[in-house]
C-alpha atoms as a PDB file:
ATOM      1  CA  MET A   1    -101.808 -23.087 -21.439  1.00  0.00           C
ATOM      2  CA  CYS A   2    -103.172 -22.601 -17.932  1.00  0.00           C
ATOM      3  CA  ALA A   3    -106.649 -23.361 -16.665  1.00  0.00           C
ATOM      4  CA  PHE A   4    -108.545 -22.931 -13.422  1.00  0.00           C
ATOM      5  CA  SER A   5    -111.537 -25.151 -12.835  1.00  0.00           C
ATOM      6  CA  ILE A   6    -113.911 -26.301 -10.152  1.00  0.00           C
ATOM      7  CA  ALA A   7    -115.392 -29.796 -10.393  1.00  0.00           C
ATOM      8  CA  GLN A   8    -114.341 -30.209 -14.029  1.00  0.00           C
ATOM      9  CA  ASP A   9    -116.041 -26.896 -15.011  1.00  0.00           C
ATOM     10  CA  THR A  10    -113.394 -24.587 -16.444  1.00  0.00           C
ATOM     11  CA  LEU A  11    -113.679 -21.075 -14.993  1.00  0.00           C
ATOM     12  CA  ALA A  12    -110.684 -19.388 -16.627  1.00  0.00           C
ATOM     13  CA  THR A  13    -107.926 -20.184 -19.074  1.00  0.00           C
ATOM     14  CA  VAL A  14    -104.773 -18.461 -20.200  1.00  0.00           C
ATOM     15  CA  GLY A  15    -103.418 -19.403 -23.605  1.00  0.00           C
ATOM     16  CA  GLN A  16    -105.016 -21.772 -26.059  1.00  0.00           C
ATOM     17  CA  GLN A  17    -106.339 -25.113 -24.867  1.00  0.00           C
ATOM     18  CA  PRO A  18    -105.301 -27.736 -27.445  1.00  0.00           C
ATOM     19  CA  ALA A  19    -108.195 -29.597 -29.037  1.00  0.00           C
ATOM     20  CA  GLY A  20    -108.477 -33.186 -27.927  1.00  0.00           C
ATOM     21  CA  LEU A  21    -106.074 -32.849 -25.009  1.00  0.00           C
ATOM     22  CA  PRO A  22    -107.631 -34.752 -22.128  1.00  0.00           C
ATOM     23  CA  PHE A  23    -107.732 -33.158 -18.712  1.00  0.00           C
ATOM     24  CA  GLN A  24    -106.249 -35.523 -16.188  1.00  0.00           C
ATOM     25  CA  HIS A  25    -105.661 -34.494 -12.631  1.00  0.00           C
ATOM     26  CA  ALA A  26    -102.220 -35.526 -11.433  1.00  0.00           C
ATOM     27  CA  SER A  27    -100.026 -33.938  -8.818  1.00  0.00           C
ATOM     28  CA  GLU A  28     -96.908 -34.916 -10.797  1.00  0.00           C
ATOM     29  CA  TRP A  29     -95.743 -33.848 -14.231  1.00  0.00           C
ATOM     30  CA  GLN A  30     -97.300 -35.946 -16.968  1.00  0.00           C
ATOM     31  CA  THR A  31     -96.906 -36.069 -20.728  1.00  0.00           C
ATOM     32  CA  LEU A  32    -100.144 -35.988 -22.715  1.00  0.00           C
ATOM     33  CA  GLN A  33    -100.806 -36.269 -26.440  1.00  0.00           C
ATOM     34  CA  ASP A  34    -103.587 -34.573 -28.395  1.00  0.00           C
ATOM     35  CA  ARG A  35    -105.419 -35.921 -31.454  1.00  0.00           C
ATOM     36  CA  GLU A  36    -102.834 -34.442 -33.841  1.00  0.00           C
ATOM     37  CA  GLY A  37     -99.995 -36.263 -32.122  1.00  0.00           C
ATOM     38  CA  ASP A  38     -98.473 -33.198 -30.438  1.00  0.00           C
ATOM     39  CA  ARG A  39     -97.181 -33.869 -26.952  1.00  0.00           C
ATOM     40  CA  TYR A  40     -97.655 -31.637 -23.896  1.00  0.00           C
ATOM     41  CA  HIS A  41     -96.102 -31.602 -20.452  1.00  0.00           C
ATOM     42  CA  GLN A  42     -98.747 -30.820 -17.821  1.00  0.00           C
ATOM     43  CA  ILE A  43     -99.257 -30.662 -14.075  1.00  0.00           C
ATOM     44  CA  SER A  44    -102.399 -29.964 -12.075  1.00  0.00           C
ATOM     45  CA  LEU A  45    -102.583 -28.788  -8.488  1.00  0.00           C
ATOM     46  CA  LEU A  46    -105.457 -28.795  -6.030  1.00  0.00           C
ATOM     47  CA  LEU A  47    -106.134 -25.330  -4.638  1.00  0.00           C
ATOM     48  CA  LYS A  48    -107.422 -25.541  -1.062  1.00  0.00           C
ATOM     49  CA  LEU A  49    -108.220 -23.142   1.728  1.00  0.00           C
ATOM     50  CA  ARG A  50    -107.799 -25.211   4.861  1.00  0.00           C
ATOM     51  CA  ILE A  51    -110.076 -28.150   4.052  1.00  0.00           C
ATOM     52  CA  THR A  52    -112.250 -26.486   1.387  1.00  0.00           C
ATOM     53  CA  LEU A  53    -111.383 -27.289  -2.203  1.00  0.00           C
ATOM     54  CA  LEU A  54    -111.308 -24.056  -4.172  1.00  0.00           C
ATOM     55  CA  GLY A  55    -110.502 -25.610  -7.512  1.00  0.00           C
ATOM     56  CA  ILE A  56    -107.840 -27.188  -9.640  1.00  0.00           C
ATOM     57  CA  TYR A  57    -105.051 -25.324 -11.387  1.00  0.00           C
ATOM     58  CA  ALA A  58    -103.661 -27.054 -14.486  1.00  0.00           C
ATOM     59  CA  GLY A  59    -100.617 -25.723 -16.278  1.00  0.00           C
ATOM     60  CA  GLY A  60     -98.635 -27.095 -19.148  1.00  0.00           C
ATOM     61  CA  ALA A  61     -96.648 -26.390 -22.269  1.00  0.00           C
ATOM     62  CA  SER A  62     -96.227 -27.920 -25.683  1.00  0.00           C
ATOM     63  CA  LEU A  63     -93.145 -30.003 -26.264  1.00  0.00           C
ATOM     64  CA  GLN A  64     -93.269 -29.156 -29.991  1.00  0.00           C
ATOM     65  CA  GLU A  65     -90.956 -26.157 -29.598  1.00  0.00           C
ATOM     66  CA  PHE A  66     -88.274 -28.450 -28.163  1.00  0.00           C
ATOM     67  CA  ARG A  67     -88.337 -30.984 -31.022  1.00  0.00           C
ATOM     68  CA  GLN A  68     -86.341 -28.938 -33.560  1.00  0.00           C
ATOM     69  CA  PRO A  69     -83.466 -27.998 -31.226  1.00  0.00           C
ATOM     70  CA  LEU A  70     -83.323 -31.563 -29.902  1.00  0.00           C
ATOM     71  CA  GLY A  71     -83.079 -32.898 -33.444  1.00  0.00           C
ATOM     72  CA  GLU A  72     -80.246 -30.465 -34.174  1.00  0.00           C
ATOM     73  CA  TYR A  73     -78.492 -31.403 -30.930  1.00  0.00           C
ATOM     74  CA  LYS A  74     -78.731 -35.085 -31.875  1.00  0.00           C
ATOM     75  CA  ILE A  75     -77.076 -34.375 -35.235  1.00  0.00           C
ATOM     76  CA  HIS A  76     -74.312 -32.296 -33.643  1.00  0.00           C
ATOM     77  CA  PHE A  77     -73.783 -34.924 -30.947  1.00  0.00           C
ATOM     78  CA  ALA A  78     -73.552 -37.739 -33.510  1.00  0.00           C
ATOM     79  CA  ALA A  79     -71.111 -35.703 -35.616  1.00  0.00           C
ATOM     80  CA  GLY A  80     -69.004 -34.973 -32.537  1.00  0.00           C
ATOM     81  CA  VAL A  81     -68.928 -38.634 -31.531  1.00  0.00           C
ATOM     82  CA  ALA A  82     -67.982 -39.685 -35.065  1.00  0.00           C
ATOM     83  CA  ASN A  83     -65.249 -37.022 -35.207  1.00  0.00           C
ATOM     84  CA  ASN A  84     -63.911 -38.059 -31.808  1.00  0.00           C
ATOM     85  CA  ASN A  85     -63.869 -41.738 -32.800  1.00  0.00           C
ATOM     86  CA  ALA A  86     -62.149 -40.990 -36.119  1.00  0.00           C
ATOM     87  CA  ALA A  87     -59.456 -38.979 -34.346  1.00  0.00           C
ATOM     88  CA  ARG A  88     -58.961 -41.715 -31.753  1.00  0.00           C
ATOM     89  CA  TRP A  89     -58.775 -44.432 -34.419  1.00  0.00           C
ATOM     90  CA  GLY A  90     -56.246 -42.336 -36.347  1.00  0.00           C
ATOM     91  CA  ARG A  91     -54.067 -41.928 -33.265  1.00  0.00           C
ATOM     92  CA  GLN A  92     -54.303 -45.653 -32.546  1.00  0.00           C
ATOM     93  CA  LEU A  93     -53.355 -46.492 -36.124  1.00  0.00           C
ATOM     94  CA  VAL A  94     -50.268 -44.274 -35.941  1.00  0.00           C
ATOM     95  CA  ALA A  95     -49.358 -45.638 -32.510  1.00  0.00           C
ATOM     96  CA  SER A  96     -49.843 -49.251 -33.594  1.00  0.00           C
ATOM     97  CA  GLY A  97     -47.694 -48.627 -36.692  1.00  0.00           C
ATOM     98  CA  ALA A  98     -44.889 -47.310 -34.475  1.00  0.00           C
ATOM     99  CA  LYS A  99     -45.251 -50.266 -32.118  1.00  0.00           C
ATOM    100  CA  MET A 100     -45.243 -52.778 -34.987  1.00  0.00           C
ATOM    101  CA  ARG A 101     -42.128 -51.361 -36.694  1.00  0.00           C
ATOM    102  CA  PRO A 102     -39.679 -53.444 -34.562  1.00  0.00           C
ATOM    103  CA  VAL A 103     -41.748 -56.563 -35.273  1.00  0.00           C
ATOM    104  CA  TYR A 104     -41.558 -55.909 -39.026  1.00  0.00           C
ATOM    105  CA  GLN A 105     -37.800 -55.307 -38.770  1.00  0.00           C
ATOM    106  CA  SER A 106     -37.329 -58.602 -36.909  1.00  0.00           C
ATOM    107  CA  TYR A 107     -39.401 -60.401 -39.525  1.00  0.00           C
ATOM    108  CA  GLU A 108     -37.270 -58.906 -42.328  1.00  0.00           C
ATOM    109  CA  GLN A 109     -34.083 -59.980 -40.491  1.00  0.00           C
ATOM    110  CA  ILE A 110     -35.430 -63.533 -40.168  1.00  0.00           C
ATOM    111  CA  GLN A 111     -36.261 -63.571 -43.896  1.00  0.00           C
ATOM    112  CA  GLN A 112     -32.780 -62.300 -44.760  1.00  0.00           C
ATOM    113  CA  PHE A 113     -31.160 -64.902 -42.484  1.00  0.00           C
ATOM    114  CA  SER A 114     -33.210 -67.679 -44.085  1.00  0.00           C
ATOM    115  CA  ALA A 115     -32.208 -66.473 -47.558  1.00  0.00           C
ATOM    116  CA  ASP A 116     -28.536 -66.353 -46.526  1.00  0.00           C
ATOM    117  CA  VAL A 117     -28.681 -69.873 -45.031  1.00  0.00           C
ATOM    118  CA  ALA A 118     -30.367 -71.212 -48.169  1.00  0.00           C
ATOM    119  CA  HIS A 119     -27.700 -69.583 -50.351  1.00  0.00           C
ATOM    120  CA  GLU A 120     -24.879 -70.912 -48.187  1.00  0.00           C
ATOM    121  CA  LEU A 121     -26.298 -74.444 -48.401  1.00  0.00           C
ATOM    122  CA  ARG A 122     -27.011 -74.299 -52.141  1.00  0.00           C
ATOM    123  CA  THR A 123     -23.473 -73.287 -53.094  1.00  0.00           C
ATOM    124  CA  PRO A 124     -21.658 -76.345 -51.648  1.00  0.00           C
ATOM    125  CA  LEU A 125     -24.459 -78.652 -52.758  1.00  0.00           C
ATOM    126  CA  ALA A 126     -24.309 -77.266 -56.283  1.00  0.00           C
ATOM    127  CA  ALA A 127     -20.494 -77.659 -56.329  1.00  0.00           C
ATOM    128  CA  THR A 128     -20.749 -81.242 -55.043  1.00  0.00           C
ATOM    129  CA  ARG A 129     -23.449 -82.092 -57.607  1.00  0.00           C
ATOM    130  CA  ALA A 130     -21.380 -80.634 -60.403  1.00  0.00           C
ATOM    131  CA  ALA A 131     -18.327 -82.666 -59.298  1.00  0.00           C
ATOM    132  CA  VAL A 132     -20.406 -85.870 -59.074  1.00  0.00           C
ATOM    133  CA  GLU A 133     -21.972 -85.321 -62.523  1.00  0.00           C
ATOM    134  CA  SER A 134     -18.568 -84.564 -63.998  1.00  0.00           C
ATOM    135  CA  ALA A 135     -17.099 -87.710 -62.480  1.00  0.00           C
ATOM    136  CA  LEU A 136     -20.044 -89.801 -63.782  1.00  0.00           C
ATOM    137  CA  ASN A 137     -19.688 -88.341 -67.269  1.00  0.00           C
ATOM    138  CA  GLN A 138     -15.988 -89.232 -67.428  1.00  0.00           C
ATOM    139  CA  THR A 139     -16.517 -92.897 -66.827  1.00  0.00           C
END
């Protein structure tokens, strides 16, 4: 959509002017919305010959054609981030398992030592108890 106007009177247009899209003069890009909710990116420029204002040129384009690809890019981006995070978490899980293996081995050694100590203490205590009970039963 392009338009050429003088004092708000449109002299020529190229393309279709969206219904309900307000004309606002701005020398910077602006985003406008029509009555149907479609958004447009527009700029307007003053056309001058020395100090005489010849008119205003307004040009713009609909942002509708960019919505679909942007939506697809968002999906692909989210899938890529999720895939990257899953791969990283998997690598960290494997790495943490390898790092924890010596800790588990030490814990198993401590458990085995405790079991051995308990067994070594129970045997003499059981023998002493049996001797004491036998001596008490004989009297």
